[in-house]
Amino acid sequence: MLRLARENPRWGRRRIQGELARLGHRIGASTVWKILTAAGIDPAPRRGGPTWREFLTSQAEAIIACDFLHVDLVDLRRVYALVFLEHGTRRLHIAGITAHDRTVDGPAGPQPPLEVGVRLESLRFLIRDRDAKYTESFDA
């Protein structure tokens, strides 16, 4: 185990545990950690890429999220709205409201908020859920 850790400095305890399991040695990840710590071998360095939080923070100006949600009005009617949220400015844009729960699609459904001043040229990432209401033409 110590030899694996020294010869492969980028491997973490779980990777070492997996390699030992492939060789037929059943040992827990916490046991691997205890042995490596006792031998003075530090944990593997963090992978080169940024964390998810760091990525979102650095790309906030280029991210917009959308959702198709329902709103219950005071008179107990339910309407559906397509909304967009700019992550960089936290501005909410309502792209369209309809009384019908329908597919969000090109000319048939609510349109993206082109007329409300969203800087479309600076937006690179769209975050949305996997709802079946979004069609291929909406994604395009």
N, C-alpha and C. Protein backbone atom coordinates (compact mmCIF):
# COMPACT_ATOMS: atom_id res chain seq x y z
N MET A 1 0.83 -1.19 0.00
CA MET A 1 0.00 0.00 0.00
C MET A 1 0.87 1.25 0.00
N LEU A 2 1.89 1.26 0.84
CA LEU A 2 2.78 2.42 0.90
C LEU A 2 3.54 2.58 -0.41
N ARG A 3 3.91 1.46 -1.02
CA ARG A 3 4.61 1.51 -2.30
C ARG A 3 3.71 2.11 -3.39
N LEU A 4 2.44 1.69 -3.40
CA LEU A 4 1.49 2.25 -4.37
C LEU A 4 1.37 3.76 -4.19
N ALA A 5 1.29 4.21 -2.95
CA ALA A 5 1.14 5.64 -2.67
C ALA A 5 2.38 6.42 -3.09
N ARG A 6 3.56 5.87 -2.85
CA ARG A 6 4.79 6.59 -3.20
C ARG A 6 5.03 6.61 -4.71
N GLU A 7 4.69 5.51 -5.39
CA GLU A 7 4.92 5.43 -6.83
C GLU A 7 3.86 6.18 -7.64
N ASN A 8 2.73 6.45 -7.01
CA ASN A 8 1.62 7.14 -7.68
C ASN A 8 1.15 8.30 -6.81
N PRO A 9 1.90 9.39 -6.78
CA PRO A 9 1.58 10.47 -5.85
C PRO A 9 0.24 11.17 -6.09
N ARG A 10 -0.34 10.99 -7.27
CA ARG A 10 -1.64 11.62 -7.55
C ARG A 10 -2.83 10.75 -7.14
N TRP A 11 -2.56 9.53 -6.73
CA TRP A 11 -3.64 8.65 -6.32
C TRP A 11 -4.08 8.99 -4.91
N GLY A 12 -5.37 9.04 -4.69
CA GLY A 12 -5.94 9.24 -3.36
C GLY A 12 -6.20 7.91 -2.69
N ARG A 13 -6.70 7.96 -1.48
CA ARG A 13 -6.93 6.73 -0.72
C ARG A 13 -7.95 5.82 -1.38
N ARG A 14 -8.97 6.37 -1.99
CA ARG A 14 -9.98 5.54 -2.65
C ARG A 14 -9.41 4.83 -3.88
N ARG A 15 -8.56 5.51 -4.62
CA ARG A 15 -7.94 4.87 -5.78
C ARG A 15 -7.03 3.74 -5.34
N ILE A 16 -6.26 3.97 -4.28
CA ILE A 16 -5.38 2.93 -3.75
C ILE A 16 -6.21 1.76 -3.26
N GLN A 17 -7.31 2.04 -2.57
CA GLN A 17 -8.18 0.98 -2.10
C GLN A 17 -8.73 0.17 -3.29
N GLY A 18 -9.12 0.85 -4.36
CA GLY A 18 -9.63 0.17 -5.54
C GLY A 18 -8.59 -0.71 -6.20
N GLU A 19 -7.35 -0.23 -6.28
CA GLU A 19 -6.28 -1.04 -6.86
C GLU A 19 -5.98 -2.25 -6.00
N LEU A 20 -6.01 -2.07 -4.68
CA LEU A 20 -5.80 -3.22 -3.79
C LEU A 20 -6.93 -4.24 -3.93
N ALA A 21 -8.16 -3.76 -4.10
CA ALA A 21 -9.30 -4.67 -4.29
C ALA A 21 -9.14 -5.46 -5.59
N ARG A 22 -8.64 -4.81 -6.65
CA ARG A 22 -8.40 -5.52 -7.91
C ARG A 22 -7.37 -6.61 -7.75
N LEU A 23 -6.45 -6.41 -6.82
CA LEU A 23 -5.41 -7.42 -6.56
C LEU A 23 -5.88 -8.50 -5.58
N GLY A 24 -7.12 -8.36 -5.09
CA GLY A 24 -7.68 -9.37 -4.20
C GLY A 24 -7.57 -9.04 -2.72
N HIS A 25 -7.12 -7.84 -2.37
CA HIS A 25 -6.99 -7.43 -0.97
C HIS A 25 -8.18 -6.57 -0.60
N ARG A 26 -9.05 -7.09 0.26
CA ARG A 26 -10.23 -6.34 0.68
C ARG A 26 -9.87 -5.52 1.92
N ILE A 27 -9.87 -4.22 1.73
CA ILE A 27 -9.51 -3.31 2.83
C ILE A 27 -10.34 -2.03 2.67
N GLY A 28 -10.75 -1.45 3.75
CA GLY A 28 -11.58 -0.26 3.71
C GLY A 28 -10.78 0.99 3.42
N ALA A 29 -11.47 1.98 2.85
CA ALA A 29 -10.82 3.26 2.51
C ALA A 29 -10.32 3.96 3.76
N SER A 30 -11.07 3.85 4.86
CA SER A 30 -10.64 4.51 6.09
C SER A 30 -9.37 3.84 6.65
N THR A 31 -9.24 2.54 6.44
CA THR A 31 -8.02 1.84 6.87
C THR A 31 -6.83 2.29 6.03
N VAL A 32 -7.05 2.44 4.74
CA VAL A 32 -5.98 2.94 3.87
C VAL A 32 -5.56 4.32 4.33
N TRP A 33 -6.53 5.18 4.64
CA TRP A 33 -6.23 6.53 5.10
C TRP A 33 -5.40 6.49 6.39
N LYS A 34 -5.79 5.64 7.34
CA LYS A 34 -5.07 5.54 8.62
C LYS A 34 -3.62 5.11 8.40
N ILE A 35 -3.43 4.12 7.53
CA ILE A 35 -2.07 3.62 7.29
C ILE A 35 -1.22 4.68 6.60
N LEU A 36 -1.78 5.36 5.61
CA LEU A 36 -1.03 6.40 4.91
C LEU A 36 -0.70 7.57 5.83
N THR A 37 -1.66 7.96 6.67
CA THR A 37 -1.44 9.06 7.61
C THR A 37 -0.36 8.69 8.61
N ALA A 38 -0.41 7.46 9.13
CA ALA A 38 0.60 7.01 10.10
C ALA A 38 1.99 6.97 9.46
N ALA A 39 2.06 6.71 8.15
CA ALA A 39 3.35 6.66 7.46
C ALA A 39 3.83 8.04 7.03
N GLY A 40 3.00 9.07 7.29
CA GLY A 40 3.38 10.43 6.95
C GLY A 40 3.17 10.79 5.49
N ILE A 41 2.34 10.02 4.81
CA ILE A 41 2.04 10.32 3.41
C ILE A 41 0.79 11.17 3.37
N ASP A 42 0.93 12.38 2.83
CA ASP A 42 -0.19 13.31 2.76
C ASP A 42 -1.21 12.85 1.74
N PRO A 43 -2.44 13.39 1.84
CA PRO A 43 -3.45 13.05 0.84
C PRO A 43 -3.02 13.51 -0.54
N ALA A 44 -3.57 12.87 -1.55
CA ALA A 44 -3.25 13.25 -2.93
C ALA A 44 -3.63 14.70 -3.15
N PRO A 45 -2.88 15.41 -3.99
CA PRO A 45 -3.22 16.81 -4.26
C PRO A 45 -4.58 16.91 -4.95
N ARG A 46 -5.20 18.05 -4.77
CA ARG A 46 -6.49 18.29 -5.40
C ARG A 46 -6.33 18.28 -6.91
N ARG A 47 -7.30 17.75 -7.61
CA ARG A 47 -7.24 17.72 -9.07
C ARG A 47 -7.11 19.13 -9.61
N GLY A 48 -6.55 19.25 -10.81
CA GLY A 48 -6.21 20.53 -11.39
C GLY A 48 -7.37 21.48 -11.64
N GLY A 49 -8.56 20.95 -11.92
CA GLY A 49 -9.68 21.82 -12.28
C GLY A 49 -10.30 22.52 -11.10
N PRO A 50 -11.08 23.56 -11.38
CA PRO A 50 -11.74 24.27 -10.28
C PRO A 50 -12.91 23.47 -9.72
N THR A 51 -13.32 23.80 -8.53
CA THR A 51 -14.50 23.18 -7.95
C THR A 51 -15.74 23.73 -8.66
N TRP A 52 -16.88 23.11 -8.44
CA TRP A 52 -18.12 23.57 -9.06
C TRP A 52 -18.44 25.00 -8.62
N ARG A 53 -18.24 25.29 -7.37
CA ARG A 53 -18.51 26.64 -6.85
C ARG A 53 -17.59 27.68 -7.51
N GLU A 54 -16.31 27.36 -7.65
CA GLU A 54 -15.37 28.27 -8.29
C GLU A 54 -15.74 28.50 -9.76
N PHE A 55 -16.17 27.43 -10.44
CA PHE A 55 -16.59 27.56 -11.82
C PHE A 55 -17.79 28.49 -11.94
N LEU A 56 -18.80 28.26 -11.11
CA LEU A 56 -20.01 29.09 -11.18
C LEU A 56 -19.70 30.55 -10.86
N THR A 57 -18.83 30.78 -9.89
CA THR A 57 -18.47 32.15 -9.53
C THR A 57 -17.76 32.84 -10.69
N SER A 58 -16.83 32.15 -11.32
CA SER A 58 -16.07 32.77 -12.41
C SER A 58 -16.89 32.93 -13.69
N GLN A 59 -17.91 32.11 -13.86
CA GLN A 59 -18.72 32.16 -15.07
C GLN A 59 -20.10 32.79 -14.87
N ALA A 60 -20.35 33.38 -13.71
CA ALA A 60 -21.69 33.87 -13.38
C ALA A 60 -22.24 34.83 -14.41
N GLU A 61 -21.40 35.66 -14.99
CA GLU A 61 -21.88 36.63 -15.97
C GLU A 61 -22.34 35.96 -17.26
N ALA A 62 -21.93 34.73 -17.49
CA ALA A 62 -22.26 34.04 -18.73
C ALA A 62 -23.35 32.98 -18.55
N ILE A 63 -23.94 32.88 -17.36
CA ILE A 63 -24.92 31.84 -17.07
C ILE A 63 -26.31 32.43 -16.93
N ILE A 64 -27.26 31.78 -17.57
CA ILE A 64 -28.67 32.12 -17.39
C ILE A 64 -29.41 30.79 -17.15
N ALA A 65 -30.34 30.81 -16.24
CA ALA A 65 -31.12 29.61 -15.93
C ALA A 65 -32.57 29.87 -16.31
N CYS A 66 -33.27 28.82 -16.71
CA CYS A 66 -34.68 29.00 -17.04
C CYS A 66 -35.51 27.90 -16.39
N ASP A 67 -36.77 28.21 -16.20
CA ASP A 67 -37.70 27.23 -15.66
C ASP A 67 -39.10 27.58 -16.12
N PHE A 68 -39.89 26.56 -16.32
CA PHE A 68 -41.29 26.71 -16.67
C PHE A 68 -42.05 26.31 -15.42
N LEU A 69 -42.70 27.27 -14.78
CA LEU A 69 -43.32 27.00 -13.49
C LEU A 69 -44.76 27.48 -13.45
N HIS A 70 -45.49 27.03 -12.44
CA HIS A 70 -46.87 27.48 -12.32
C HIS A 70 -46.98 28.50 -11.18
N VAL A 71 -47.96 29.40 -11.34
CA VAL A 71 -48.22 30.44 -10.35
C VAL A 71 -49.71 30.42 -10.06
N ASP A 72 -50.06 30.31 -8.79
CA ASP A 72 -51.47 30.35 -8.40
C ASP A 72 -51.83 31.79 -8.07
N LEU A 73 -52.81 32.32 -8.79
CA LEU A 73 -53.23 33.71 -8.62
C LEU A 73 -54.21 33.85 -7.45
N VAL A 74 -54.47 35.07 -7.08
CA VAL A 74 -55.37 35.37 -5.97
C VAL A 74 -56.76 34.81 -6.22
N ASP A 75 -57.21 34.86 -7.47
CA ASP A 75 -58.55 34.35 -7.79
C ASP A 75 -58.57 32.84 -8.03
N LEU A 76 -57.52 32.14 -7.55
CA LEU A 76 -57.37 30.69 -7.59
C LEU A 76 -57.17 30.12 -8.99
N ARG A 77 -56.92 30.96 -9.97
CA ARG A 77 -56.55 30.46 -11.28
C ARG A 77 -55.07 30.12 -11.28
N ARG A 78 -54.70 29.14 -12.06
CA ARG A 78 -53.30 28.76 -12.19
C ARG A 78 -52.81 29.16 -13.57
N VAL A 79 -51.69 29.86 -13.61
CA VAL A 79 -51.06 30.22 -14.87
C VAL A 79 -49.64 29.67 -14.87
N TYR A 80 -49.09 29.54 -16.06
CA TYR A 80 -47.75 28.99 -16.23
C TYR A 80 -46.84 30.06 -16.80
N ALA A 81 -45.63 30.13 -16.29
CA ALA A 81 -44.70 31.19 -16.70
C ALA A 81 -43.35 30.58 -17.06
N LEU A 82 -42.76 31.11 -18.09
CA LEU A 82 -41.40 30.78 -18.46
C LEU A 82 -40.53 31.91 -17.93
N VAL A 83 -39.62 31.59 -17.03
CA VAL A 83 -38.79 32.62 -16.40
C VAL A 83 -37.31 32.31 -16.66
N PHE A 84 -36.53 33.38 -16.74
CA PHE A 84 -35.08 33.29 -16.90
C PHE A 84 -34.42 34.07 -15.77
N LEU A 85 -33.35 33.53 -15.22
CA LEU A 85 -32.61 34.18 -14.14
C LEU A 85 -31.16 34.35 -14.56
N GLU A 86 -30.71 35.60 -14.62
CA GLU A 86 -29.30 35.89 -14.90
C GLU A 86 -28.52 35.68 -13.61
N HIS A 87 -27.54 34.82 -13.62
CA HIS A 87 -26.79 34.55 -12.40
C HIS A 87 -25.90 35.70 -11.99
N GLY A 88 -25.32 36.37 -12.95
CA GLY A 88 -24.40 37.46 -12.64
C GLY A 88 -25.08 38.63 -11.94
N THR A 89 -26.29 38.98 -12.37
CA THR A 89 -26.98 40.14 -11.81
C THR A 89 -28.15 39.77 -10.90
N ARG A 90 -28.50 38.48 -10.91
CA ARG A 90 -29.67 37.99 -10.14
C ARG A 90 -30.97 38.62 -10.61
N ARG A 91 -31.03 39.03 -11.88
CA ARG A 91 -32.25 39.62 -12.43
C ARG A 91 -33.14 38.51 -12.97
N LEU A 92 -34.41 38.62 -12.67
CA LEU A 92 -35.40 37.65 -13.12
C LEU A 92 -36.18 38.25 -14.29
N HIS A 93 -36.31 37.49 -15.36
CA HIS A 93 -37.04 37.92 -16.54
C HIS A 93 -38.18 36.95 -16.77
N ILE A 94 -39.38 37.47 -16.91
CA ILE A 94 -40.54 36.64 -17.23
C ILE A 94 -40.71 36.70 -18.74
N ALA A 95 -40.50 35.57 -19.39
CA ALA A 95 -40.53 35.54 -20.84
C ALA A 95 -41.94 35.39 -21.38
N GLY A 96 -42.81 34.77 -20.64
CA GLY A 96 -44.17 34.59 -21.11
C GLY A 96 -45.03 33.94 -20.06
N ILE A 97 -46.32 34.22 -20.12
CA ILE A 97 -47.29 33.64 -19.18
C ILE A 97 -48.43 33.09 -20.01
N THR A 98 -48.88 31.91 -19.67
CA THR A 98 -49.98 31.29 -20.39
C THR A 98 -50.89 30.57 -19.39
N ALA A 99 -52.14 30.37 -19.78
CA ALA A 99 -53.08 29.65 -18.94
C ALA A 99 -53.02 28.15 -19.18
N HIS A 100 -52.20 27.73 -20.13
CA HIS A 100 -52.14 26.32 -20.50
C HIS A 100 -50.78 25.73 -20.20
N ASP A 101 -50.77 24.55 -19.62
CA ASP A 101 -49.54 23.80 -19.40
C ASP A 101 -49.20 23.14 -20.72
N ARG A 102 -48.20 23.66 -21.42
CA ARG A 102 -47.88 23.12 -22.73
C ARG A 102 -46.38 23.07 -22.94
N THR A 103 -46.02 22.53 -24.07
CA THR A 103 -44.62 22.40 -24.42
C THR A 103 -44.02 23.77 -24.70
N VAL A 104 -42.81 23.99 -24.20
CA VAL A 104 -42.08 25.21 -24.50
C VAL A 104 -41.37 24.98 -25.82
N ASP A 105 -41.86 25.61 -26.86
CA ASP A 105 -41.35 25.34 -28.19
C ASP A 105 -41.43 26.59 -29.04
N GLY A 106 -40.38 26.85 -29.79
CA GLY A 106 -40.30 27.95 -30.74
C GLY A 106 -41.48 28.89 -30.76
N PRO A 107 -42.18 29.01 -31.91
CA PRO A 107 -43.26 29.98 -32.03
C PRO A 107 -44.51 29.61 -31.23
N ALA A 108 -44.67 28.31 -30.88
CA ALA A 108 -45.89 27.90 -30.18
C ALA A 108 -45.89 28.29 -28.72
N GLY A 109 -44.72 28.30 -28.10
CA GLY A 109 -44.66 28.58 -26.67
C GLY A 109 -44.06 29.93 -26.38
N PRO A 110 -43.88 30.23 -25.10
CA PRO A 110 -43.27 31.51 -24.73
C PRO A 110 -41.88 31.65 -25.32
N GLN A 111 -41.52 32.84 -25.68
CA GLN A 111 -40.24 33.11 -26.31
C GLN A 111 -39.21 33.54 -25.27
N PRO A 112 -37.92 33.27 -25.53
CA PRO A 112 -36.88 33.79 -24.65
C PRO A 112 -36.97 35.31 -24.59
N PRO A 113 -36.49 35.91 -23.50
CA PRO A 113 -36.69 37.35 -23.27
C PRO A 113 -35.79 38.24 -24.10
N LEU A 114 -35.89 38.18 -25.39
CA LEU A 114 -35.05 39.00 -26.24
C LEU A 114 -35.35 40.48 -26.09
N GLU A 115 -36.61 40.80 -25.84
CA GLU A 115 -37.01 42.20 -25.79
C GLU A 115 -36.83 42.85 -24.43
N VAL A 116 -36.42 42.12 -23.43
CA VAL A 116 -36.32 42.71 -22.09
C VAL A 116 -34.90 43.14 -21.73
N GLY A 117 -34.01 43.13 -22.69
CA GLY A 117 -32.69 43.68 -22.45
C GLY A 117 -31.65 42.69 -21.95
N VAL A 118 -31.88 41.41 -22.07
CA VAL A 118 -30.86 40.44 -21.67
C VAL A 118 -29.71 40.51 -22.67
N ARG A 119 -28.50 40.53 -22.19
CA ARG A 119 -27.33 40.59 -23.05
C ARG A 119 -27.04 39.19 -23.59
N LEU A 120 -27.73 38.79 -24.63
CA LEU A 120 -27.61 37.43 -25.15
C LEU A 120 -26.21 37.10 -25.65
N GLU A 121 -25.49 38.10 -26.16
CA GLU A 121 -24.15 37.82 -26.68
C GLU A 121 -23.18 37.42 -25.58
N SER A 122 -23.40 37.83 -24.34
CA SER A 122 -22.49 37.49 -23.25
C SER A 122 -22.89 36.21 -22.54
N LEU A 123 -24.04 35.66 -22.88
CA LEU A 123 -24.50 34.44 -22.22
C LEU A 123 -23.99 33.22 -22.98
N ARG A 124 -23.31 32.32 -22.26
CA ARG A 124 -22.74 31.14 -22.89
C ARG A 124 -23.37 29.85 -22.39
N PHE A 125 -23.94 29.86 -21.19
CA PHE A 125 -24.46 28.63 -20.58
C PHE A 125 -25.92 28.82 -20.19
N LEU A 126 -26.76 27.86 -20.55
CA LEU A 126 -28.16 27.83 -20.13
C LEU A 126 -28.35 26.64 -19.22
N ILE A 127 -28.84 26.89 -18.03
CA ILE A 127 -29.13 25.83 -17.08
C ILE A 127 -30.64 25.64 -17.05
N ARG A 128 -31.07 24.41 -17.22
CA ARG A 128 -32.49 24.11 -17.14
C ARG A 128 -32.66 22.67 -16.68
N ASP A 129 -33.86 22.35 -16.21
CA ASP A 129 -34.11 20.97 -15.79
C ASP A 129 -34.43 20.12 -17.02
N ARG A 130 -34.66 18.84 -16.80
CA ARG A 130 -34.91 17.93 -17.91
C ARG A 130 -36.40 17.74 -18.19
N ASP A 131 -37.17 18.74 -17.94
CA ASP A 131 -38.61 18.66 -18.15
C ASP A 131 -38.90 18.37 -19.62
N ALA A 132 -39.89 17.52 -19.88
CA ALA A 132 -40.26 17.16 -21.25
C ALA A 132 -40.89 18.33 -21.99
N LYS A 133 -41.23 19.40 -21.30
CA LYS A 133 -41.83 20.56 -21.96
C LYS A 133 -40.84 21.28 -22.87
N TYR A 134 -39.56 21.10 -22.63
CA TYR A 134 -38.54 21.74 -23.47
C TYR A 134 -38.26 20.81 -24.66
N THR A 135 -38.43 21.32 -25.85
CA THR A 135 -38.21 20.52 -27.05
C THR A 135 -36.86 20.85 -27.66
N GLU A 136 -36.50 20.11 -28.70
CA GLU A 136 -35.22 20.34 -29.37
C GLU A 136 -35.14 21.73 -29.98
N SER A 137 -36.25 22.22 -30.51
CA SER A 137 -36.20 23.55 -31.13
C SER A 137 -36.00 24.63 -30.06
N PHE A 138 -36.47 24.42 -28.84
CA PHE A 138 -36.22 25.38 -27.76
C PHE A 138 -34.73 25.38 -27.44
N ASP A 139 -34.12 24.20 -27.35
CA ASP A 139 -32.69 24.12 -27.06
C ASP A 139 -31.86 24.78 -28.15
N ALA A 140 -32.30 24.62 -29.40
CA ALA A 140 -31.55 25.23 -30.51
C ALA A 140 -31.59 26.74 -30.39
